[in-house]
Amino acid sequence: MIKKQWLPSLLFAFLVSSCGKKSSLEVVKTFPGYPSSSGIEKINKDYYIIGDDAKNILILDSSLRKKDSISLYPFSKQRMPKSIKADLESIMKLNDNQLLILGSGSASPYRNAGWLVNVRQREKQFIHLDTFYHRFSQNGIQDVNIEGACIVQNKWLLANRGHAGYPHNSLIVTKPYFWQQQQAAPIEKISIGQPSGDSSFRGISGLAYAKNSDQLLMSVSTEATNSTTADGDIGKSYIWIIQNITSKLGWQAINPNKIIDLNQIDARFKGQKIESIHIDEETKSSLKVLLVADNDNGVSTVFELMLIKE
């Protein structure tokens, strides 16, 4: 029997982290030459950043210094035109050599695609995702906008971001290497609740799994837009945490157990649209987290945050 946990938004309250004063922003790095960062992942000692309209992958070393790049699209300018940009929003480590990068699916055909990238050999494989993304509408997802991806044990999770005109965030649970069987790969939708008493819609922008504590971390941002393709005024950003996520993957709906207002941790988060989250280290008492921000101005920012566990 499928478990359910769905509390109407007006009836449940979210806890804003009482440990915000203990958590701290350790490092802030800005990259003016790299636009629109939307995802970050780590392989070995290097960090790989994608941008939703960038023509290449940015590579940073362990000290968050620019090291190299991997070209994806043959454009002369760094930013791709909005009408044809791939809108790469999710990046996920498959093994010690390979990354999976996904377009958002918010507009066809350019955004219904992704890449498999072997970072060691610098080999790239373009993958079409039309069949898989088109099936989302049959599973209760009106507007496709994939913004995050991660692996939880033997399940692959994708985050579909809503907007003010379609105020619904969802997790999509599927199987490994789903693009190889796009017509048959399972698609299970889990609705993610919104906090009560907030007039602005908060959209999921990234996913990361803390294996030791079995927690799903979601980067969340507010943006005044009524569609999956238009930009809007930037509001606050948050980290939402779902505890004991492996036991909830069969549920129809989940509310976050904890909400962290990033502005309450450090004023430098004000005006930053956090687009992705990566867990760099996990100890018994803390999580070292990297966040990337895209403020629609052609500049990317990386934040290193130390989160103290309760």
C-alpha atoms as a PDB file:
ATOM      1  CA  MET A   1       0.000   0.000   0.000  1.00  0.00           C
ATOM      2  CA  ILE A   2       1.348   3.407  -0.959  1.00  0.00           C
ATOM      3  CA  LYS A   3       1.960   5.656   1.997  1.00  0.00           C
ATOM      4  CA  LYS A   4       0.710   9.202   1.900  1.00  0.00           C
ATOM      5  CA  GLN A   5       1.796  12.311   3.709  1.00  0.00           C
ATOM      6  CA  TRP A   6       0.110  15.415   2.447  1.00  0.00           C
ATOM      7  CA  LEU A   7      -0.728  18.293   4.740  1.00  0.00           C
ATOM      8  CA  PRO A   8      -2.568  21.292   3.235  1.00  0.00           C
ATOM      9  CA  SER A   9      -0.249  24.284   3.151  1.00  0.00           C
ATOM     10  CA  LEU A  10      -2.434  26.277   5.538  1.00  0.00           C
ATOM     11  CA  LEU A  11      -2.383  23.582   8.179  1.00  0.00           C
ATOM     12  CA  PHE A  12       1.259  22.781   8.626  1.00  0.00           C
ATOM     13  CA  ALA A  13       4.103  24.902   9.820  1.00  0.00           C
ATOM     14  CA  PHE A  14       7.689  24.667   8.738  1.00  0.00           C
ATOM     15  CA  LEU A  15      10.590  24.963  11.099  1.00  0.00           C
ATOM     16  CA  VAL A  16      13.130  27.612  10.215  1.00  0.00           C
ATOM     17  CA  SER A  17      16.456  26.318  11.378  1.00  0.00           C
ATOM     18  CA  SER A  18      17.270  27.323  14.917  1.00  0.00           C
ATOM     19  CA  CYS A  19      20.889  26.522  14.148  1.00  0.00           C
ATOM     20  CA  GLY A  20      21.215  29.303  11.561  1.00  0.00           C
ATOM     21  CA  LYS A  21      23.580  31.275  13.800  1.00  0.00           C
ATOM     22  CA  LYS A  22      25.913  28.297  14.076  1.00  0.00           C
ATOM     23  CA  SER A  23      25.991  27.549  10.380  1.00  0.00           C
ATOM     24  CA  SER A  24      28.374  29.797   8.482  1.00  0.00           C
ATOM     25  CA  LEU A  25      29.257  30.971   5.005  1.00  0.00           C
ATOM     26  CA  GLU A  26      32.954  30.150   4.604  1.00  0.00           C
ATOM     27  CA  VAL A  27      33.866  31.135   1.028  1.00  0.00           C
ATOM     28  CA  VAL A  28      32.368  33.218  -1.785  1.00  0.00           C
ATOM     29  CA  LYS A  29      33.900  33.103  -5.274  1.00  0.00           C
ATOM     30  CA  THR A  30      32.652  35.071  -8.281  1.00  0.00           C
ATOM     31  CA  PHE A  31      33.317  34.177 -11.923  1.00  0.00           C
ATOM     32  CA  PRO A  32      32.483  37.139 -14.202  1.00  0.00           C
ATOM     33  CA  GLY A  33      33.514  35.258 -17.334  1.00  0.00           C
ATOM     34  CA  TYR A  34      31.129  32.356 -16.827  1.00  0.00           C
ATOM     35  CA  PRO A  35      27.395  33.012 -17.216  1.00  0.00           C
ATOM     36  CA  SER A  36      24.336  31.605 -15.535  1.00  0.00           C
ATOM     37  CA  SER A  37      25.671  28.798 -13.341  1.00  0.00           C
ATOM     38  CA  SER A  38      22.917  26.233 -12.825  1.00  0.00           C
ATOM     39  CA  GLY A  39      24.591  23.069 -11.514  1.00  0.00           C
ATOM     40  CA  ILE A  40      27.696  21.882  -9.680  1.00  0.00           C
ATOM     41  CA  GLU A  41      29.205  18.427  -9.176  1.00  0.00           C
ATOM     42  CA  LYS A  42      32.532  17.031  -8.028  1.00  0.00           C
ATOM     43  CA  ILE A  43      34.661  14.247  -9.487  1.00  0.00           C
ATOM     44  CA  ASN A  44      37.882  13.422  -7.684  1.00  0.00           C
ATOM     45  CA  LYS A  45      39.262  16.821  -6.602  1.00  0.00           C
ATOM     46  CA  ASP A  46      37.703  18.987  -9.294  1.00  0.00           C
ATOM     47  CA  TYR A  47      34.357  20.768  -9.435  1.00  0.00           C
ATOM     48  CA  TYR A  48      32.327  20.895 -12.642  1.00  0.00           C
ATOM     49  CA  ILE A  49      29.878  23.739 -13.183  1.00  0.00           C
ATOM     50  CA  ILE A  50      27.275  24.053 -15.919  1.00  0.00           C
ATOM     51  CA  GLY A  51      25.392  27.171 -16.988  1.00  0.00           C
ATOM     52  CA  ASP A  52      21.936  27.222 -18.502  1.00  0.00           C
ATOM     53  CA  ASP A  53      23.126  29.324 -21.427  1.00  0.00           C
ATOM     54  CA  ALA A  54      26.882  28.637 -21.274  1.00  0.00           C
ATOM     55  CA  LYS A  55      28.650  26.972 -24.170  1.00  0.00           C
ATOM     56  CA  ASN A  56      31.057  24.997 -21.995  1.00  0.00           C
ATOM     57  CA  ILE A  57      31.561  23.282 -18.631  1.00  0.00           C
ATOM     58  CA  LEU A  58      33.651  25.281 -16.166  1.00  0.00           C
ATOM     59  CA  ILE A  59      36.217  23.270 -14.160  1.00  0.00           C
ATOM     60  CA  LEU A  60      37.451  24.485 -10.766  1.00  0.00           C
ATOM     61  CA  ASP A  61      40.227  23.002  -8.660  1.00  0.00           C
ATOM     62  CA  SER A  62      39.895  22.012  -5.001  1.00  0.00           C
ATOM     63  CA  SER A  63      40.451  25.650  -3.962  1.00  0.00           C
ATOM     64  CA  LEU A  64      37.644  26.860  -6.244  1.00  0.00           C
ATOM     65  CA  ARG A  65      40.053  28.419  -8.711  1.00  0.00           C
ATOM     66  CA  LYS A  66      39.400  28.244 -12.434  1.00  0.00           C
ATOM     67  CA  LYS A  67      41.327  25.313 -13.851  1.00  0.00           C
ATOM     68  CA  ASP A  68      39.956  24.440 -17.281  1.00  0.00           C
ATOM     69  CA  SER A  69      36.803  23.986 -19.330  1.00  0.00           C
ATOM     70  CA  ILE A  70      35.137  21.445 -21.607  1.00  0.00           C
ATOM     71  CA  SER A  71      33.420  22.744 -24.728  1.00  0.00           C
ATOM     72  CA  LEU A  72      29.847  21.613 -25.433  1.00  0.00           C
ATOM     73  CA  TYR A  73      28.548  23.986 -28.111  1.00  0.00           C
ATOM     74  CA  PRO A  74      30.457  25.731 -30.938  1.00  0.00           C
ATOM     75  CA  PHE A  75      29.366  29.313 -30.276  1.00  0.00           C
ATOM     76  CA  SER A  76      31.723  32.268 -30.602  1.00  0.00           C
ATOM     77  CA  LYS A  77      30.132  34.088 -27.665  1.00  0.00           C
ATOM     78  CA  GLN A  78      30.091  32.681 -24.157  1.00  0.00           C
ATOM     79  CA  ARG A  79      26.307  32.981 -23.758  1.00  0.00           C
ATOM     80  CA  MET A  80      23.943  31.143 -26.078  1.00  0.00           C
ATOM     81  CA  PRO A  81      20.860  32.997 -27.388  1.00  0.00           C
ATOM     82  CA  LYS A  82      17.815  32.390 -25.209  1.00  0.00           C
ATOM     83  CA  SER A  83      15.724  31.132 -28.120  1.00  0.00           C
ATOM     84  CA  ILE A  84      18.047  28.179 -28.747  1.00  0.00           C
ATOM     85  CA  LYS A  85      19.881  27.678 -25.462  1.00  0.00           C
ATOM     86  CA  ALA A  86      20.017  24.123 -24.113  1.00  0.00           C
ATOM     87  CA  ASP A  87      19.012  25.276 -20.606  1.00  0.00           C
ATOM     88  CA  LEU A  88      21.295  22.770 -18.902  1.00  0.00           C
ATOM     89  CA  GLU A  89      20.059  22.768 -15.299  1.00  0.00           C
ATOM     90  CA  SER A  90      21.134  19.456 -13.725  1.00  0.00           C
ATOM     91  CA  ILE A  91      24.477  17.712 -13.377  1.00  0.00           C
ATOM     92  CA  MET A  92      25.080  14.380 -11.686  1.00  0.00           C
ATOM     93  CA  LYS A  93      28.103  12.157 -11.109  1.00  0.00           C
ATOM     94  CA  LEU A  94      27.650   8.650 -12.525  1.00  0.00           C
ATOM     95  CA  ASN A  95      31.100   7.291 -11.655  1.00  0.00           C
ATOM     96  CA  ASP A  96      34.666   8.529 -11.159  1.00  0.00           C
ATOM     97  CA  ASN A  97      34.914   9.508 -14.819  1.00  0.00           C
ATOM     98  CA  GLN A  98      31.446  10.365 -16.066  1.00  0.00           C
ATOM     99  CA  LEU A  99      28.871  13.124 -15.649  1.00  0.00           C
ATOM    100  CA  LEU A 100      25.231  13.216 -16.714  1.00  0.00           C
ATOM    101  CA  ILE A 101      23.967  16.673 -17.697  1.00  0.00           C
ATOM    102  CA  LEU A 102      20.276  17.318 -18.346  1.00  0.00           C
ATOM    103  CA  GLY A 103      18.415  20.072 -20.136  1.00  0.00           C
ATOM    104  CA  SER A 104      15.322  21.393 -18.384  1.00  0.00           C
ATOM    105  CA  GLY A 105      12.793  20.167 -20.951  1.00  0.00           C
ATOM    106  CA  SER A 106      10.967  23.495 -20.663  1.00  0.00           C
ATOM    107  CA  ALA A 107      10.998  24.143 -24.420  1.00  0.00           C
ATOM    108  CA  SER A 108      11.260  21.814 -27.399  1.00  0.00           C
ATOM    109  CA  PRO A 109      13.470  20.821 -29.103  1.00  0.00           C
ATOM    110  CA  TYR A 110      16.608  22.501 -27.739  1.00  0.00           C
ATOM    111  CA  ARG A 111      15.967  21.830 -24.041  1.00  0.00           C
ATOM    112  CA  ASN A 112      14.848  18.203 -24.443  1.00  0.00           C
ATOM    113  CA  ALA A 113      18.395  16.911 -24.466  1.00  0.00           C
ATOM    114  CA  GLY A 114      21.445  16.246 -22.364  1.00  0.00           C
ATOM    115  CA  TRP A 115      25.050  15.074 -22.347  1.00  0.00           C
ATOM    116  CA  LEU A 116      27.137  12.206 -21.096  1.00  0.00           C
ATOM    117  CA  VAL A 117      30.632  13.546 -20.478  1.00  0.00           C
ATOM    118  CA  ASN A 118      33.732  11.497 -19.701  1.00  0.00           C
ATOM    119  CA  VAL A 119      35.824  14.100 -17.912  1.00  0.00           C
ATOM    120  CA  ARG A 120      39.027  12.076 -17.998  1.00  0.00           C
ATOM    121  CA  GLN A 121      39.001  11.338 -21.718  1.00  0.00           C
ATOM    122  CA  ARG A 122      36.939  14.432 -22.580  1.00  0.00           C
ATOM    123  CA  GLU A 123      34.526  12.377 -24.604  1.00  0.00           C
ATOM    124  CA  LYS A 124      30.984  13.694 -25.029  1.00  0.00           C
ATOM    125  CA  GLN A 125      27.786  11.966 -26.070  1.00  0.00           C
ATOM    126  CA  PHE A 126      24.685  14.004 -26.912  1.00  0.00           C
ATOM    127  CA  ILE A 127      21.448  12.350 -25.782  1.00  0.00           C
ATOM    128  CA  HIS A 128      17.875  13.127 -26.871  1.00  0.00           C
ATOM    129  CA  LEU A 129      15.297  13.072 -24.073  1.00  0.00           C
ATOM    130  CA  ASP A 130      12.107  13.945 -25.989  1.00  0.00           C
ATOM    131  CA  THR A 131      10.358  10.626 -25.390  1.00  0.00           C
ATOM    132  CA  PHE A 132      11.040  10.579 -21.656  1.00  0.00           C
ATOM    133  CA  TYR A 133      10.132  14.226 -21.062  1.00  0.00           C
ATOM    134  CA  HIS A 134       6.929  13.987 -23.109  1.00  0.00           C
ATOM    135  CA  ARG A 135       5.699  11.230 -20.782  1.00  0.00           C
ATOM    136  CA  PHE A 136       5.688  13.609 -17.804  1.00  0.00           C
ATOM    137  CA  SER A 137       2.341  15.102 -18.844  1.00  0.00           C
ATOM    138  CA  GLN A 138       0.819  11.626 -18.578  1.00  0.00           C
ATOM    139  CA  ASN A 139       1.984  11.531 -14.962  1.00  0.00           C
ATOM    140  CA  GLY A 140       0.404  14.737 -13.740  1.00  0.00           C
ATOM    141  CA  ILE A 141       3.153  17.243 -14.572  1.00  0.00           C
ATOM    142  CA  GLN A 142       1.721  20.114 -16.584  1.00  0.00           C
ATOM    143  CA  ASP A 143       4.880  22.197 -17.115  1.00  0.00           C
ATOM    144  CA  VAL A 144       8.197  20.380 -17.468  1.00  0.00           C
ATOM    145  CA  ASN A 145      11.178  22.161 -15.914  1.00  0.00           C
ATOM    146  CA  ILE A 146      13.835  19.758 -14.619  1.00  0.00           C
ATOM    147  CA  GLU A 147      16.212  21.686 -12.340  1.00  0.00           C
ATOM    148  CA  GLY A 148      17.957  19.056 -10.216  1.00  0.00           C
ATOM    149  CA  ALA A 149      19.053  15.421 -10.148  1.00  0.00           C
ATOM    150  CA  CYS A 150      20.654  13.040  -7.681  1.00  0.00           C
ATOM    151  CA  ILE A 151      20.963   9.355  -6.826  1.00  0.00           C
ATOM    152  CA  VAL A 152      19.363   7.910  -3.682  1.00  0.00           C
ATOM    153  CA  GLN A 153      20.496   4.312  -3.285  1.00  0.00           C
ATOM    154  CA  ASN A 154      19.257   2.550  -6.438  1.00  0.00           C
ATOM    155  CA  LYS A 155      16.768   5.272  -7.396  1.00  0.00           C
ATOM    156  CA  TRP A 156      17.361   8.327  -9.538  1.00  0.00           C
ATOM    157  CA  LEU A 157      15.565  11.512  -8.522  1.00  0.00           C
ATOM    158  CA  LEU A 158      14.768  14.495 -10.726  1.00  0.00           C
ATOM    159  CA  ALA A 159      13.318  17.777  -9.459  1.00  0.00           C
ATOM    160  CA  ASN A 160      10.609  19.485 -11.501  1.00  0.00           C
ATOM    161  CA  ARG A 161      10.334  23.165 -10.577  1.00  0.00           C
ATOM    162  CA  GLY A 162       7.012  24.950 -10.635  1.00  0.00           C
ATOM    163  CA  HIS A 163       6.343  28.691 -10.939  1.00  0.00           C
ATOM    164  CA  ALA A 164       3.739  31.242  -9.901  1.00  0.00           C
ATOM    165  CA  GLY A 165       1.480  30.237 -12.783  1.00  0.00           C
ATOM    166  CA  TYR A 166       1.916  26.525 -12.001  1.00  0.00           C
ATOM    167  CA  PRO A 167       2.751  26.417  -8.269  1.00  0.00           C
ATOM    168  CA  HIS A 168       3.747  22.782  -7.991  1.00  0.00           C
ATOM    169  CA  ASN A 169       7.159  21.300  -7.168  1.00  0.00           C
ATOM    170  CA  SER A 170       7.627  17.592  -7.788  1.00  0.00           C
ATOM    171  CA  LEU A 171      10.192  14.862  -7.391  1.00  0.00           C
ATOM    172  CA  ILE A 172      10.319  12.334 -10.207  1.00  0.00           C
ATOM    173  CA  VAL A 173      11.573   8.902  -9.224  1.00  0.00           C
ATOM    174  CA  THR A 174      12.957   6.751 -12.024  1.00  0.00           C
ATOM    175  CA  LYS A 175      15.581   4.081 -12.626  1.00  0.00           C
ATOM    176  CA  PRO A 176      19.287   4.333 -13.476  1.00  0.00           C
ATOM    177  CA  TYR A 177      20.167   5.129 -17.088  1.00  0.00           C
ATOM    178  CA  PHE A 178      16.543   5.962 -17.882  1.00  0.00           C
ATOM    179  CA  TRP A 179      17.437   7.497 -21.253  1.00  0.00           C
ATOM    180  CA  GLN A 180      18.301   4.039 -22.593  1.00  0.00           C
ATOM    181  CA  GLN A 181      14.649   2.930 -22.205  1.00  0.00           C
ATOM    182  CA  GLN A 182      12.725   6.185 -22.375  1.00  0.00           C
ATOM    183  CA  GLN A 183       9.364   4.645 -23.207  1.00  0.00           C
ATOM    184  CA  ALA A 184       9.526   2.009 -20.466  1.00  0.00           C
ATOM    185  CA  ALA A 185      11.487   3.704 -17.661  1.00  0.00           C
ATOM    186  CA  PRO A 186       9.297   4.209 -14.573  1.00  0.00           C
ATOM    187  CA  ILE A 187       8.049   7.697 -13.752  1.00  0.00           C
ATOM    188  CA  GLU A 188       6.697   8.151 -10.231  1.00  0.00           C
ATOM    189  CA  LYS A 189       5.732  11.639  -9.090  1.00  0.00           C
ATOM    190  CA  ILE A 190       6.002  12.892  -5.505  1.00  0.00           C
ATOM    191  CA  SER A 191       4.484  16.298  -4.750  1.00  0.00           C
ATOM    192  CA  ILE A 192       6.541  18.589  -2.508  1.00  0.00           C
ATOM    193  CA  GLY A 193       4.633  20.922  -0.188  1.00  0.00           C
ATOM    194  CA  GLN A 194       4.966  24.695   0.176  1.00  0.00           C
ATOM    195  CA  PRO A 195       5.302  26.624   3.442  1.00  0.00           C
ATOM    196  CA  SER A 196       2.174  28.229   4.821  1.00  0.00           C
ATOM    197  CA  GLY A 197       1.694  31.973   5.039  1.00  0.00           C
ATOM    198  CA  ASP A 198       3.988  32.835   2.119  1.00  0.00           C
ATOM    199  CA  SER A 199       2.497  34.536  -0.926  1.00  0.00           C
ATOM    200  CA  SER A 200       5.575  33.970  -3.127  1.00  0.00           C
ATOM    201  CA  PHE A 201       6.091  30.575  -4.723  1.00  0.00           C
ATOM    202  CA  ARG A 202       9.329  28.815  -3.814  1.00  0.00           C
ATOM    203  CA  GLY A 203      10.753  26.631  -6.576  1.00  0.00           C
ATOM    204  CA  ILE A 204      13.193  23.736  -6.252  1.00  0.00           C
ATOM    205  CA  SER A 205      16.416  24.470  -8.131  1.00  0.00           C
ATOM    206  CA  GLY A 206      18.724  21.591  -7.141  1.00  0.00           C
ATOM    207  CA  LEU A 207      19.053  18.267  -5.309  1.00  0.00           C
ATOM    208  CA  ALA A 208      21.758  16.588  -3.235  1.00  0.00           C
ATOM    209  CA  TYR A 209      21.702  13.432  -1.118  1.00  0.00           C
ATOM    210  CA  ALA A 210      23.430  13.144   2.264  1.00  0.00           C
ATOM    211  CA  LYS A 211      24.014   9.402   2.404  1.00  0.00           C
ATOM    212  CA  ASN A 212      25.228   9.093   6.002  1.00  0.00           C
ATOM    213  CA  SER A 213      22.182  10.834   7.454  1.00  0.00           C
ATOM    214  CA  ASP A 214      19.697   9.795   4.721  1.00  0.00           C
ATOM    215  CA  GLN A 215      18.657  13.381   4.053  1.00  0.00           C
ATOM    216  CA  LEU A 216      17.612  14.959   0.775  1.00  0.00           C
ATOM    217  CA  LEU A 217      18.764  18.569   0.484  1.00  0.00           C
ATOM    218  CA  MET A 218      17.037  20.856  -1.993  1.00  0.00           C
ATOM    219  CA  SER A 219      18.144  24.309  -3.050  1.00  0.00           C
ATOM    220  CA  VAL A 220      15.067  26.505  -3.386  1.00  0.00           C
ATOM    221  CA  SER A 221      14.633  30.007  -4.765  1.00  0.00           C
ATOM    222  CA  THR A 222      11.925  32.576  -5.364  1.00  0.00           C
ATOM    223  CA  GLU A 223      11.542  34.353  -8.672  1.00  0.00           C
ATOM    224  CA  ALA A 224       8.607  36.451  -9.882  1.00  0.00           C
ATOM    225  CA  THR A 225       7.729  34.571 -13.067  1.00  0.00           C
ATOM    226  CA  ASN A 226       4.603  32.902 -14.416  1.00  0.00           C
ATOM    227  CA  SER A 227       6.315  30.517 -16.821  1.00  0.00           C
ATOM    228  CA  THR A 228       9.145  28.005 -17.103  1.00  0.00           C
ATOM    229  CA  THR A 229      11.064  30.131 -19.616  1.00  0.00           C
ATOM    230  CA  ALA A 230      10.801  33.769 -18.446  1.00  0.00           C
ATOM    231  CA  ASP A 231      13.088  35.367 -15.864  1.00  0.00           C
ATOM    232  CA  GLY A 232      11.733  37.521 -13.042  1.00  0.00           C
ATOM    233  CA  ASP A 233      12.698  39.548  -9.994  1.00  0.00           C
ATOM    234  CA  ILE A 234      14.868  37.544  -7.589  1.00  0.00           C
ATOM    235  CA  GLY A 235      13.728  36.963  -4.021  1.00  0.00           C
ATOM    236  CA  LYS A 236      15.071  34.802  -1.206  1.00  0.00           C
ATOM    237  CA  SER A 237      16.806  31.434  -1.479  1.00  0.00           C
ATOM    238  CA  TYR A 238      16.582  28.507   0.901  1.00  0.00           C
ATOM    239  CA  ILE A 239      17.718  24.984   1.648  1.00  0.00           C
ATOM    240  CA  TRP A 240      14.920  22.522   2.328  1.00  0.00           C
ATOM    241  CA  ILE A 241      15.699  19.214   4.015  1.00  0.00           C
ATOM    242  CA  ILE A 242      13.693  15.982   3.871  1.00  0.00           C
ATOM    243  CA  GLN A 243      14.771  13.488   6.507  1.00  0.00           C
ATOM    244  CA  ASN A 244      14.671   9.688   6.061  1.00  0.00           C
ATOM    245  CA  ILE A 245      14.163  10.128   2.335  1.00  0.00           C
ATOM    246  CA  THR A 246      14.704   6.474   1.376  1.00  0.00           C
ATOM    247  CA  SER A 247      11.610   5.418   3.337  1.00  0.00           C
ATOM    248  CA  LYS A 248       9.502   8.099   1.618  1.00  0.00           C
ATOM    249  CA  LEU A 249      10.198   7.392  -2.051  1.00  0.00           C
ATOM    250  CA  GLY A 250       6.917   5.498  -2.353  1.00  0.00           C
ATOM    251  CA  TRP A 251       4.859   8.352  -0.906  1.00  0.00           C
ATOM    252  CA  GLN A 252       2.591  10.531  -3.028  1.00  0.00           C
ATOM    253  CA  ALA A 253       3.517  13.783  -1.280  1.00  0.00           C
ATOM    254  CA  ILE A 254       6.119  15.008   1.189  1.00  0.00           C
ATOM    255  CA  ASN A 255       6.612  18.152   3.229  1.00  0.00           C
ATOM    256  CA  PRO A 256      10.168  19.250   4.056  1.00  0.00           C
ATOM    257  CA  ASN A 257      11.156  18.604   7.662  1.00  0.00           C
ATOM    258  CA  LYS A 258      13.329  21.686   7.852  1.00  0.00           C
ATOM    259  CA  ILE A 259      13.696  25.010   6.060  1.00  0.00           C
ATOM    260  CA  ILE A 260      16.867  27.089   6.187  1.00  0.00           C
ATOM    261  CA  ASP A 261      16.604  30.743   5.188  1.00  0.00           C
ATOM    262  CA  LEU A 262      20.013  31.529   3.699  1.00  0.00           C
ATOM    263  CA  ASN A 263      19.631  35.261   4.342  1.00  0.00           C
ATOM    264  CA  GLN A 264      19.528  34.492   8.058  1.00  0.00           C
ATOM    265  CA  ILE A 265      22.899  32.754   7.832  1.00  0.00           C
ATOM    266  CA  ASP A 266      24.705  35.520   5.965  1.00  0.00           C
ATOM    267  CA  ALA A 267      23.664  38.821   4.382  1.00  0.00           C
ATOM    268  CA  ARG A 268      25.733  38.009   1.294  1.00  0.00           C
ATOM    269  CA  PHE A 269      22.983  35.636   0.183  1.00  0.00           C
ATOM    270  CA  LYS A 270      20.611  38.574  -0.261  1.00  0.00           C
ATOM    271  CA  GLY A 271      19.611  38.966  -3.909  1.00  0.00           C
ATOM    272  CA  GLN A 272      21.244  35.671  -4.891  1.00  0.00           C
ATOM    273  CA  LYS A 273      19.223  33.135  -6.878  1.00  0.00           C
ATOM    274  CA  ILE A 274      20.642  29.803  -5.748  1.00  0.00           C
ATOM    275  CA  GLU A 275      20.467  27.357  -8.641  1.00  0.00           C
ATOM    276  CA  SER A 276      22.077  24.179  -7.338  1.00  0.00           C
ATOM    277  CA  ILE A 277      23.446  22.400  -4.285  1.00  0.00           C
ATOM    278  CA  HIS A 278      26.285  19.914  -3.808  1.00  0.00           C
ATOM    279  CA  ILE A 279      27.314  18.122  -0.614  1.00  0.00           C
ATOM    280  CA  ASP A 280      31.090  18.152  -0.438  1.00  0.00           C
ATOM    281  CA  GLU A 281      31.579  16.490   2.952  1.00  0.00           C
ATOM    282  CA  GLU A 282      29.389  15.008   5.666  1.00  0.00           C
ATOM    283  CA  THR A 283      30.398  14.422   9.274  1.00  0.00           C
ATOM    284  CA  LYS A 284      28.365  13.475  12.316  1.00  0.00           C
ATOM    285  CA  SER A 285      27.822  17.130  13.194  1.00  0.00           C
ATOM    286  CA  SER A 286      27.962  19.062   9.928  1.00  0.00           C
ATOM    287  CA  LEU A 287      27.553  19.227   6.170  1.00  0.00           C
ATOM    288  CA  LYS A 288      29.945  21.130   3.928  1.00  0.00           C
ATOM    289  CA  VAL A 289      27.774  22.366   1.087  1.00  0.00           C
ATOM    290  CA  LEU A 290      28.526  24.185  -2.162  1.00  0.00           C
ATOM    291  CA  LEU A 291      25.893  26.375  -3.781  1.00  0.00           C
ATOM    292  CA  VAL A 292      25.940  28.159  -7.133  1.00  0.00           C
ATOM    293  CA  ALA A 293      24.010  31.306  -8.010  1.00  0.00           C
ATOM    294  CA  ASP A 294      22.807  32.757 -11.304  1.00  0.00           C
ATOM    295  CA  ASN A 295      21.436  36.273 -11.070  1.00  0.00           C
ATOM    296  CA  ASP A 296      20.584  36.651 -14.789  1.00  0.00           C
ATOM    297  CA  ASN A 297      23.472  39.108 -15.231  1.00  0.00           C
ATOM    298  CA  GLY A 298      26.061  36.853 -16.888  1.00  0.00           C
ATOM    299  CA  VAL A 299      28.032  36.291 -13.677  1.00  0.00           C
ATOM    300  CA  SER A 300      28.288  33.072 -11.654  1.00  0.00           C
ATOM    301  CA  THR A 301      28.930  32.819  -7.919  1.00  0.00           C
ATOM    302  CA  VAL A 302      29.979  29.822  -5.813  1.00  0.00           C
ATOM    303  CA  PHE A 303      29.305  29.680  -2.067  1.00  0.00           C
ATOM    304  CA  GLU A 304      30.895  27.283   0.405  1.00  0.00           C
ATOM    305  CA  LEU A 305      28.575  26.826   3.362  1.00  0.00           C
ATOM    306  CA  MET A 306      29.073  24.896   6.596  1.00  0.00           C
ATOM    307  CA  LEU A 307      25.733  23.601   7.866  1.00  0.00           C
ATOM    308  CA  ILE A 308      25.570  22.459  11.460  1.00  0.00           C
ATOM    309  CA  LYS A 309      23.280  19.488  12.048  1.00  0.00           C
ATOM    310  CA  GLU A 310      20.718  19.644  14.816  1.00  0.00           C
END
